[in-house]
Amino acid sequence: MSSSFQNQVVLVTGGSTGIGAAVALALAEEGSRVLITGRHEDTLRTSAARHPHIAYVVADVSQPADVARTLESVRARFDRLDVLVNNAGIAAIAPLTAATPEHVRQLLDVNVAGVVETTRQALPLLKMSKGAIVNIASTIADQPFPNMSVYCASKAAVVALTRAWAQELGGEGIRVNVVSPGPIETPLYEPSKLGISAADLNQMAAAIVAQVPLRRFGTPEDVAAVVRFLASSSARYVTGAQYTVGGGMEA
């Protein structure tokens, strides 16, 4: 258990499964009090049950009212916020011909607008604590795949937001960094989430692994370890940085 996290308060969006759940557990085990958000109470409850220091709020980051309710819960429960992990995100495969306004709006509302609004509403608390923000992007922001142009663009936006905010908020003592995972074994890679068949998913996964020097998918815990470092006092002079967790698939 690290003294960096004792009694600190952490908000993790998209904390019900995958990377978000792993981050929440890793920081709770270090002594933090963690609040996770997500759209589905059943998976949130399962994630929170893994540690007594994890609580949850059912909320959709694409809805400003839900974001406001989340931050009000942080104030009511803890009256402070030390670390914000902007993890919530969605992915969808669509060629340009299928990138309808609905497809674009859905991805940008969650992956970009949700990050902006959550951070904006969290700022008063983060300024008080001189806290840390860790955004979750993707190696796909820097190495775009075909048929995922809007998703790639949304994650590139997260990297750009990180770099701008690091400059903008540095004077307030707030550090802002971004973690770009490569291929990670998460529910995001389920066929139903990507809108493709299981056979197509297997073919895509094999092609991806062939590009990874370590020749495997990573785990959510691999990403959580880097988030934990960036959120800790060990990274007190690190801001505006992009950390790739991709088995050698560099951003």
C-alpha atoms as a PDB file:
ATOM      1  CA  MET A   1       0.000   0.000   0.000  1.00  0.00           C
ATOM      2  CA  SER A   2       1.501   3.321  -1.112  1.00  0.00           C
ATOM      3  CA  SER A   3       1.473   6.511   0.939  1.00  0.00           C
ATOM      4  CA  SER A   4       0.855   8.356  -2.372  1.00  0.00           C
ATOM      5  CA  PHE A   5      -2.729   7.179  -2.339  1.00  0.00           C
ATOM      6  CA  GLN A   6      -3.675   6.997   1.334  1.00  0.00           C
ATOM      7  CA  ASN A   7      -7.075   8.673   1.756  1.00  0.00           C
ATOM      8  CA  GLN A   8      -6.971  10.152  -1.734  1.00  0.00           C
ATOM      9  CA  VAL A   9     -10.181  10.250  -3.743  1.00  0.00           C
ATOM     10  CA  VAL A  10     -10.255   8.974  -7.308  1.00  0.00           C
ATOM     11  CA  LEU A  11     -13.000   9.208  -9.926  1.00  0.00           C
ATOM     12  CA  VAL A  12     -12.817   6.618 -12.722  1.00  0.00           C
ATOM     13  CA  THR A  13     -15.315   6.924 -15.565  1.00  0.00           C
ATOM     14  CA  GLY A  14     -16.190   3.718 -17.361  1.00  0.00           C
ATOM     15  CA  GLY A  15     -15.141   1.766 -14.282  1.00  0.00           C
ATOM     16  CA  SER A  16     -17.422  -1.223 -14.590  1.00  0.00           C
ATOM     17  CA  THR A  17     -15.289  -3.487 -16.811  1.00  0.00           C
ATOM     18  CA  GLY A  18     -11.943  -3.764 -18.567  1.00  0.00           C
ATOM     19  CA  ILE A  19      -9.337  -1.064 -18.051  1.00  0.00           C
ATOM     20  CA  GLY A  20     -11.548   1.107 -15.844  1.00  0.00           C
ATOM     21  CA  ALA A  21     -12.320  -1.746 -13.461  1.00  0.00           C
ATOM     22  CA  ALA A  22      -8.638  -2.687 -13.274  1.00  0.00           C
ATOM     23  CA  VAL A  23      -7.637   0.918 -12.548  1.00  0.00           C
ATOM     24  CA  ALA A  24     -10.272   1.233  -9.829  1.00  0.00           C
ATOM     25  CA  LEU A  25      -9.111  -1.949  -8.117  1.00  0.00           C
ATOM     26  CA  ALA A  26      -5.418  -1.059  -8.379  1.00  0.00           C
ATOM     27  CA  LEU A  27      -5.928   2.361  -6.790  1.00  0.00           C
ATOM     28  CA  ALA A  28      -8.312   1.065  -4.121  1.00  0.00           C
ATOM     29  CA  GLU A  29      -5.703  -1.525  -3.143  1.00  0.00           C
ATOM     30  CA  GLU A  30      -3.217   1.339  -2.745  1.00  0.00           C
ATOM     31  CA  GLY A  31      -5.500   3.008  -0.207  1.00  0.00           C
ATOM     32  CA  SER A  32      -7.584   5.347  -2.365  1.00  0.00           C
ATOM     33  CA  ARG A  33     -11.313   5.808  -2.070  1.00  0.00           C
ATOM     34  CA  VAL A  34     -12.609   5.274  -5.575  1.00  0.00           C
ATOM     35  CA  LEU A  35     -15.875   6.224  -7.246  1.00  0.00           C
ATOM     36  CA  ILE A  36     -16.595   4.550 -10.576  1.00  0.00           C
ATOM     37  CA  THR A  37     -19.228   5.417 -13.147  1.00  0.00           C
ATOM     38  CA  GLY A  38     -20.873   3.576 -16.010  1.00  0.00           C
ATOM     39  CA  ARG A  39     -24.196   3.061 -17.699  1.00  0.00           C
ATOM     40  CA  HIS A  40     -25.018  -0.427 -16.388  1.00  0.00           C
ATOM     41  CA  GLU A  41     -25.622  -0.996 -12.698  1.00  0.00           C
ATOM     42  CA  ASP A  42     -25.100  -4.755 -12.787  1.00  0.00           C
ATOM     43  CA  THR A  43     -21.510  -4.525 -14.041  1.00  0.00           C
ATOM     44  CA  LEU A  44     -20.797  -1.515 -11.821  1.00  0.00           C
ATOM     45  CA  ARG A  45     -21.982  -3.453  -8.784  1.00  0.00           C
ATOM     46  CA  THR A  46     -19.720  -6.375  -9.684  1.00  0.00           C
ATOM     47  CA  SER A  47     -16.725  -4.090 -10.130  1.00  0.00           C
ATOM     48  CA  ALA A  48     -17.355  -2.243  -6.863  1.00  0.00           C
ATOM     49  CA  ALA A  49     -17.775  -5.509  -4.957  1.00  0.00           C
ATOM     50  CA  ARG A  50     -14.111  -6.328  -5.543  1.00  0.00           C
ATOM     51  CA  HIS A  51     -12.967  -3.847  -2.882  1.00  0.00           C
ATOM     52  CA  PRO A  52     -14.687  -2.059   0.025  1.00  0.00           C
ATOM     53  CA  HIS A  53     -13.138   1.269  -1.020  1.00  0.00           C
ATOM     54  CA  ILE A  54     -14.926   1.263  -4.398  1.00  0.00           C
ATOM     55  CA  ALA A  55     -18.365   2.876  -4.745  1.00  0.00           C
ATOM     56  CA  TYR A  56     -20.350   3.533  -7.898  1.00  0.00           C
ATOM     57  CA  VAL A  57     -22.770   5.904  -9.581  1.00  0.00           C
ATOM     58  CA  VAL A  58     -24.806   4.943 -12.634  1.00  0.00           C
ATOM     59  CA  ALA A  59     -24.042   7.737 -15.090  1.00  0.00           C
ATOM     60  CA  ASP A  60     -23.442   8.383 -18.788  1.00  0.00           C
ATOM     61  CA  VAL A  61     -20.546  10.762 -19.472  1.00  0.00           C
ATOM     62  CA  SER A  62     -22.223  11.955 -22.674  1.00  0.00           C
ATOM     63  CA  GLN A  63     -25.030  13.465 -20.571  1.00  0.00           C
ATOM     64  CA  PRO A  64     -24.005  16.699 -18.777  1.00  0.00           C
ATOM     65  CA  ALA A  65     -26.706  16.189 -16.150  1.00  0.00           C
ATOM     66  CA  ASP A  66     -25.244  12.783 -15.310  1.00  0.00           C
ATOM     67  CA  VAL A  67     -21.783  14.316 -15.043  1.00  0.00           C
ATOM     68  CA  ALA A  68     -23.130  16.970 -12.668  1.00  0.00           C
ATOM     69  CA  ARG A  69     -24.798  14.266 -10.557  1.00  0.00           C
ATOM     70  CA  THR A  70     -21.524  12.330 -10.438  1.00  0.00           C
ATOM     71  CA  LEU A  71     -19.502  15.307  -9.230  1.00  0.00           C
ATOM     72  CA  GLU A  72     -22.181  16.139  -6.682  1.00  0.00           C
ATOM     73  CA  SER A  73     -21.820  12.577  -5.381  1.00  0.00           C
ATOM     74  CA  VAL A  74     -18.053  13.056  -5.104  1.00  0.00           C
ATOM     75  CA  ARG A  75     -18.600  16.240  -3.072  1.00  0.00           C
ATOM     76  CA  ALA A  76     -21.254  14.694  -0.852  1.00  0.00           C
ATOM     77  CA  ARG A  77     -19.300  11.508  -0.137  1.00  0.00           C
ATOM     78  CA  PHE A  78     -15.744  12.842   0.080  1.00  0.00           C
ATOM     79  CA  ASP A  79     -15.690  16.658  -0.357  1.00  0.00           C
ATOM     80  CA  ARG A  80     -12.475  16.320  -2.367  1.00  0.00           C
ATOM     81  CA  LEU A  81     -11.043  14.848  -5.573  1.00  0.00           C
ATOM     82  CA  ASP A  82      -7.376  14.042  -6.099  1.00  0.00           C
ATOM     83  CA  VAL A  83      -7.332  12.012  -9.314  1.00  0.00           C
ATOM     84  CA  LEU A  84      -9.631  11.934 -12.344  1.00  0.00           C
ATOM     85  CA  VAL A  85      -9.270   9.023 -14.760  1.00  0.00           C
ATOM     86  CA  ASN A  86     -11.191   9.711 -17.965  1.00  0.00           C
ATOM     87  CA  ASN A  87     -11.586   6.151 -19.198  1.00  0.00           C
ATOM     88  CA  ALA A  88     -15.157   5.889 -20.487  1.00  0.00           C
ATOM     89  CA  GLY A  89     -15.249   5.296 -24.220  1.00  0.00           C
ATOM     90  CA  ILE A  90     -16.935   3.388 -26.999  1.00  0.00           C
ATOM     91  CA  ALA A  91     -15.633   1.909 -30.244  1.00  0.00           C
ATOM     92  CA  ALA A  92     -17.411   1.055 -33.456  1.00  0.00           C
ATOM     93  CA  ILE A  93     -16.230  -0.128 -36.828  1.00  0.00           C
ATOM     94  CA  ALA A  94     -17.662   1.777 -39.775  1.00  0.00           C
ATOM     95  CA  PRO A  95     -16.239   2.631 -43.182  1.00  0.00           C
ATOM     96  CA  LEU A  96     -16.631   6.216 -44.296  1.00  0.00           C
ATOM     97  CA  THR A  97     -19.724   5.289 -46.309  1.00  0.00           C
ATOM     98  CA  ALA A  98     -21.386   4.189 -43.053  1.00  0.00           C
ATOM     99  CA  ALA A  99     -20.155   7.076 -40.913  1.00  0.00           C
ATOM    100  CA  THR A 100     -23.607   8.576 -40.542  1.00  0.00           C
ATOM    101  CA  PRO A 101     -24.267  11.663 -38.434  1.00  0.00           C
ATOM    102  CA  GLU A 102     -25.618   9.333 -35.741  1.00  0.00           C
ATOM    103  CA  HIS A 103     -22.413   7.262 -35.751  1.00  0.00           C
ATOM    104  CA  VAL A 104     -20.233  10.372 -35.541  1.00  0.00           C
ATOM    105  CA  ARG A 105     -22.331  12.011 -32.846  1.00  0.00           C
ATOM    106  CA  GLN A 106     -22.409   8.887 -30.656  1.00  0.00           C
ATOM    107  CA  LEU A 107     -18.629   8.413 -30.719  1.00  0.00           C
ATOM    108  CA  LEU A 108     -17.759  12.076 -30.225  1.00  0.00           C
ATOM    109  CA  ASP A 109     -20.362  12.603 -27.499  1.00  0.00           C
ATOM    110  CA  VAL A 110     -18.828   9.860 -25.349  1.00  0.00           C
ATOM    111  CA  ASN A 111     -15.157   9.843 -26.325  1.00  0.00           C
ATOM    112  CA  VAL A 112     -14.573  13.590 -26.614  1.00  0.00           C
ATOM    113  CA  ALA A 113     -17.437  15.673 -25.209  1.00  0.00           C
ATOM    114  CA  GLY A 114     -17.712  13.347 -22.211  1.00  0.00           C
ATOM    115  CA  VAL A 115     -14.029  13.815 -21.398  1.00  0.00           C
ATOM    116  CA  VAL A 116     -14.280  17.591 -21.732  1.00  0.00           C
ATOM    117  CA  GLU A 117     -17.426  17.933 -19.638  1.00  0.00           C
ATOM    118  CA  THR A 118     -16.277  15.587 -16.872  1.00  0.00           C
ATOM    119  CA  THR A 119     -12.962  17.403 -16.597  1.00  0.00           C
ATOM    120  CA  ARG A 120     -14.599  20.825 -16.700  1.00  0.00           C
ATOM    121  CA  GLN A 121     -16.975  19.974 -13.882  1.00  0.00           C
ATOM    122  CA  ALA A 122     -14.218  18.302 -11.835  1.00  0.00           C
ATOM    123  CA  LEU A 123     -11.852  21.287 -12.069  1.00  0.00           C
ATOM    124  CA  PRO A 124     -12.925  23.126  -8.894  1.00  0.00           C
ATOM    125  CA  LEU A 125     -12.134  20.060  -6.782  1.00  0.00           C
ATOM    126  CA  LEU A 126      -8.925  19.271  -8.674  1.00  0.00           C
ATOM    127  CA  LYS A 127      -7.696  22.831  -8.222  1.00  0.00           C
ATOM    128  CA  MET A 128      -8.179  22.527  -4.475  1.00  0.00           C
ATOM    129  CA  SER A 129      -6.141  19.315  -4.299  1.00  0.00           C
ATOM    130  CA  LYS A 130      -3.652  20.199  -7.067  1.00  0.00           C
ATOM    131  CA  GLY A 131      -4.666  16.870  -8.451  1.00  0.00           C
ATOM    132  CA  ALA A 132      -3.901  14.693 -11.438  1.00  0.00           C
ATOM    133  CA  ILE A 133      -5.841  13.846 -14.582  1.00  0.00           C
ATOM    134  CA  VAL A 134      -5.127  10.683 -16.549  1.00  0.00           C
ATOM    135  CA  ASN A 135      -6.895  10.360 -19.886  1.00  0.00           C
ATOM    136  CA  ILE A 136      -7.185   7.066 -21.730  1.00  0.00           C
ATOM    137  CA  ALA A 137      -6.652   7.286 -25.489  1.00  0.00           C
ATOM    138  CA  SER A 138      -5.375   4.544 -27.828  1.00  0.00           C
ATOM    139  CA  THR A 139      -2.431   3.746 -30.078  1.00  0.00           C
ATOM    140  CA  ILE A 140      -5.006   3.888 -32.863  1.00  0.00           C
ATOM    141  CA  ALA A 141      -4.969   7.682 -32.522  1.00  0.00           C
ATOM    142  CA  ASP A 142      -1.455   7.730 -33.967  1.00  0.00           C
ATOM    143  CA  GLN A 143      -1.647   4.593 -36.108  1.00  0.00           C
ATOM    144  CA  PRO A 144      -5.174   4.781 -37.544  1.00  0.00           C
ATOM    145  CA  PHE A 145      -6.921   1.684 -38.866  1.00  0.00           C
ATOM    146  CA  PRO A 146      -9.175   1.714 -41.924  1.00  0.00           C
ATOM    147  CA  ASN A 147     -12.918   1.563 -41.277  1.00  0.00           C
ATOM    148  CA  MET A 148     -12.493   3.166 -37.847  1.00  0.00           C
ATOM    149  CA  SER A 149     -11.822   6.743 -38.879  1.00  0.00           C
ATOM    150  CA  VAL A 150     -14.216   8.429 -36.457  1.00  0.00           C
ATOM    151  CA  TYR A 151     -13.033   6.357 -33.506  1.00  0.00           C
ATOM    152  CA  CYS A 152      -9.400   7.100 -34.429  1.00  0.00           C
ATOM    153  CA  ALA A 153     -10.213  10.808 -34.633  1.00  0.00           C
ATOM    154  CA  SER A 154     -11.942  10.765 -31.257  1.00  0.00           C
ATOM    155  CA  LYS A 155      -8.889   9.257 -29.568  1.00  0.00           C
ATOM    156  CA  ALA A 156      -6.562  11.679 -31.354  1.00  0.00           C
ATOM    157  CA  ALA A 157      -8.690  14.430 -29.838  1.00  0.00           C
ATOM    158  CA  VAL A 158      -8.082  13.000 -26.358  1.00  0.00           C
ATOM    159  CA  VAL A 159      -4.315  13.203 -26.930  1.00  0.00           C
ATOM    160  CA  ALA A 160      -4.629  16.805 -28.119  1.00  0.00           C
ATOM    161  CA  LEU A 161      -6.820  17.738 -25.149  1.00  0.00           C
ATOM    162  CA  THR A 162      -4.231  16.256 -22.796  1.00  0.00           C
ATOM    163  CA  ARG A 163      -1.388  18.295 -24.239  1.00  0.00           C
ATOM    164  CA  ALA A 164      -3.408  21.516 -24.224  1.00  0.00           C
ATOM    165  CA  TRP A 165      -4.691  21.013 -20.675  1.00  0.00           C
ATOM    166  CA  ALA A 166      -1.208  20.206 -19.370  1.00  0.00           C
ATOM    167  CA  GLN A 167      -0.150  23.695 -20.456  1.00  0.00           C
ATOM    168  CA  GLU A 168      -3.381  25.362 -19.393  1.00  0.00           C
ATOM    169  CA  LEU A 169      -3.634  23.799 -15.935  1.00  0.00           C
ATOM    170  CA  GLY A 170       0.029  23.513 -14.983  1.00  0.00           C
ATOM    171  CA  GLY A 171      -0.100  26.843 -13.211  1.00  0.00           C
ATOM    172  CA  GLU A 172      -2.859  25.448 -10.992  1.00  0.00           C
ATOM    173  CA  GLY A 173      -0.624  22.553  -9.992  1.00  0.00           C
ATOM    174  CA  ILE A 174      -2.726  20.051 -11.944  1.00  0.00           C
ATOM    175  CA  ARG A 175      -0.892  17.402 -13.936  1.00  0.00           C
ATOM    176  CA  VAL A 176      -2.503  15.975 -17.093  1.00  0.00           C
ATOM    177  CA  ASN A 177      -1.208  12.880 -18.874  1.00  0.00           C
ATOM    178  CA  VAL A 178      -2.558  10.343 -21.343  1.00  0.00           C
ATOM    179  CA  VAL A 179      -2.185   6.579 -21.587  1.00  0.00           C
ATOM    180  CA  SER A 180      -2.530   5.034 -25.036  1.00  0.00           C
ATOM    181  CA  PRO A 181      -3.272   1.322 -24.775  1.00  0.00           C
ATOM    182  CA  GLY A 182      -2.609  -0.939 -27.716  1.00  0.00           C
ATOM    183  CA  PRO A 183      -4.525  -4.217 -28.123  1.00  0.00           C
ATOM    184  CA  ILE A 184      -5.939  -5.044 -24.688  1.00  0.00           C
ATOM    185  CA  GLU A 185      -8.207  -7.958 -23.767  1.00  0.00           C
ATOM    186  CA  THR A 186     -11.343  -6.058 -22.743  1.00  0.00           C
ATOM    187  CA  PRO A 187     -15.096  -6.228 -23.419  1.00  0.00           C
ATOM    188  CA  LEU A 188     -14.507  -3.496 -26.027  1.00  0.00           C
ATOM    189  CA  TYR A 189     -13.280  -6.283 -28.291  1.00  0.00           C
ATOM    190  CA  GLU A 190     -16.540  -8.244 -28.120  1.00  0.00           C
ATOM    191  CA  PRO A 191     -18.246  -8.689 -31.523  1.00  0.00           C
ATOM    192  CA  SER A 192     -21.450  -7.046 -30.286  1.00  0.00           C
ATOM    193  CA  LYS A 193     -19.541  -3.944 -29.170  1.00  0.00           C
ATOM    194  CA  LEU A 194     -17.748  -3.561 -32.493  1.00  0.00           C
ATOM    195  CA  GLY A 195     -20.694  -4.479 -34.683  1.00  0.00           C
ATOM    196  CA  ILE A 196     -18.932  -7.353 -36.473  1.00  0.00           C
ATOM    197  CA  SER A 197     -19.177 -11.160 -36.515  1.00  0.00           C
ATOM    198  CA  ALA A 198     -17.110 -13.423 -34.267  1.00  0.00           C
ATOM    199  CA  ALA A 199     -15.263 -14.764 -37.325  1.00  0.00           C
ATOM    200  CA  ASP A 200     -14.381 -11.268 -38.482  1.00  0.00           C
ATOM    201  CA  LEU A 201     -13.266 -10.371 -34.964  1.00  0.00           C
ATOM    202  CA  ASN A 202     -10.946 -13.395 -34.785  1.00  0.00           C
ATOM    203  CA  GLN A 203      -9.451 -12.480 -38.130  1.00  0.00           C
ATOM    204  CA  MET A 204      -8.960  -8.885 -37.034  1.00  0.00           C
ATOM    205  CA  ALA A 205      -7.410  -9.977 -33.718  1.00  0.00           C
ATOM    206  CA  ALA A 206      -4.909 -12.234 -35.477  1.00  0.00           C
ATOM    207  CA  ALA A 207      -3.893  -9.408 -37.794  1.00  0.00           C
ATOM    208  CA  ILE A 208      -3.446  -7.051 -34.841  1.00  0.00           C
ATOM    209  CA  VAL A 209      -1.330  -9.483 -32.806  1.00  0.00           C
ATOM    210  CA  ALA A 210       0.947  -9.974 -35.806  1.00  0.00           C
ATOM    211  CA  GLN A 211       1.832  -6.268 -35.533  1.00  0.00           C
ATOM    212  CA  VAL A 212       2.673  -6.459 -31.816  1.00  0.00           C
ATOM    213  CA  PRO A 213       6.342  -7.252 -31.096  1.00  0.00           C
ATOM    214  CA  LEU A 214       5.369  -9.075 -27.876  1.00  0.00           C
ATOM    215  CA  ARG A 215       2.914 -11.151 -29.947  1.00  0.00           C
ATOM    216  CA  ARG A 216       0.005 -11.007 -27.534  1.00  0.00           C
ATOM    217  CA  PHE A 217      -2.826  -8.828 -26.353  1.00  0.00           C
ATOM    218  CA  GLY A 218      -2.198  -6.912 -23.167  1.00  0.00           C
ATOM    219  CA  THR A 219      -4.319  -7.061 -20.028  1.00  0.00           C
ATOM    220  CA  PRO A 220      -6.255  -4.311 -18.267  1.00  0.00           C
ATOM    221  CA  GLU A 221      -3.823  -4.711 -15.376  1.00  0.00           C
ATOM    222  CA  ASP A 222      -0.930  -3.786 -17.688  1.00  0.00           C
ATOM    223  CA  VAL A 223      -2.624  -0.458 -18.340  1.00  0.00           C
ATOM    224  CA  ALA A 224      -3.671   0.047 -14.717  1.00  0.00           C
ATOM    225  CA  ALA A 225      -0.038  -0.165 -13.590  1.00  0.00           C
ATOM    226  CA  VAL A 226       0.895   2.810 -15.783  1.00  0.00           C
ATOM    227  CA  VAL A 227      -2.169   4.802 -14.696  1.00  0.00           C
ATOM    228  CA  ARG A 228      -1.219   4.129 -11.080  1.00  0.00           C
ATOM    229  CA  PHE A 229       2.251   5.570 -11.688  1.00  0.00           C
ATOM    230  CA  LEU A 230       0.915   8.698 -13.417  1.00  0.00           C
ATOM    231  CA  ALA A 231      -1.583   9.277 -10.615  1.00  0.00           C
ATOM    232  CA  SER A 232       1.058   8.918  -7.921  1.00  0.00           C
ATOM    233  CA  SER A 233       3.533  11.339  -6.385  1.00  0.00           C
ATOM    234  CA  SER A 234       6.290   9.411  -8.191  1.00  0.00           C
ATOM    235  CA  ALA A 235       5.116  11.218 -11.346  1.00  0.00           C
ATOM    236  CA  ARG A 236       4.981  14.639  -9.687  1.00  0.00           C
ATOM    237  CA  TYR A 237       7.126  16.214 -12.453  1.00  0.00           C
ATOM    238  CA  VAL A 238       5.376  14.431 -15.332  1.00  0.00           C
ATOM    239  CA  THR A 239       2.707  16.304 -17.270  1.00  0.00           C
ATOM    240  CA  GLY A 240       1.670  16.511 -20.901  1.00  0.00           C
ATOM    241  CA  ALA A 241       3.137  13.053 -21.500  1.00  0.00           C
ATOM    242  CA  GLN A 242       1.747  10.203 -23.604  1.00  0.00           C
ATOM    243  CA  TYR A 243       2.528   6.711 -22.318  1.00  0.00           C
ATOM    244  CA  THR A 244       2.003   3.841 -24.745  1.00  0.00           C
ATOM    245  CA  VAL A 245       1.046   0.444 -23.333  1.00  0.00           C
ATOM    246  CA  GLY A 246       1.035  -1.598 -26.503  1.00  0.00           C
ATOM    247  CA  GLY A 247       3.564  -4.398 -26.340  1.00  0.00           C
ATOM    248  CA  GLY A 248       5.858  -2.488 -28.660  1.00  0.00           C
ATOM    249  CA  MET A 249       3.098  -1.227 -30.965  1.00  0.00           C
ATOM    250  CA  GLU A 250       4.215   2.346 -30.525  1.00  0.00           C
ATOM    251  CA  ALA A 251       1.984   5.380 -30.804  1.00  0.00           C
END
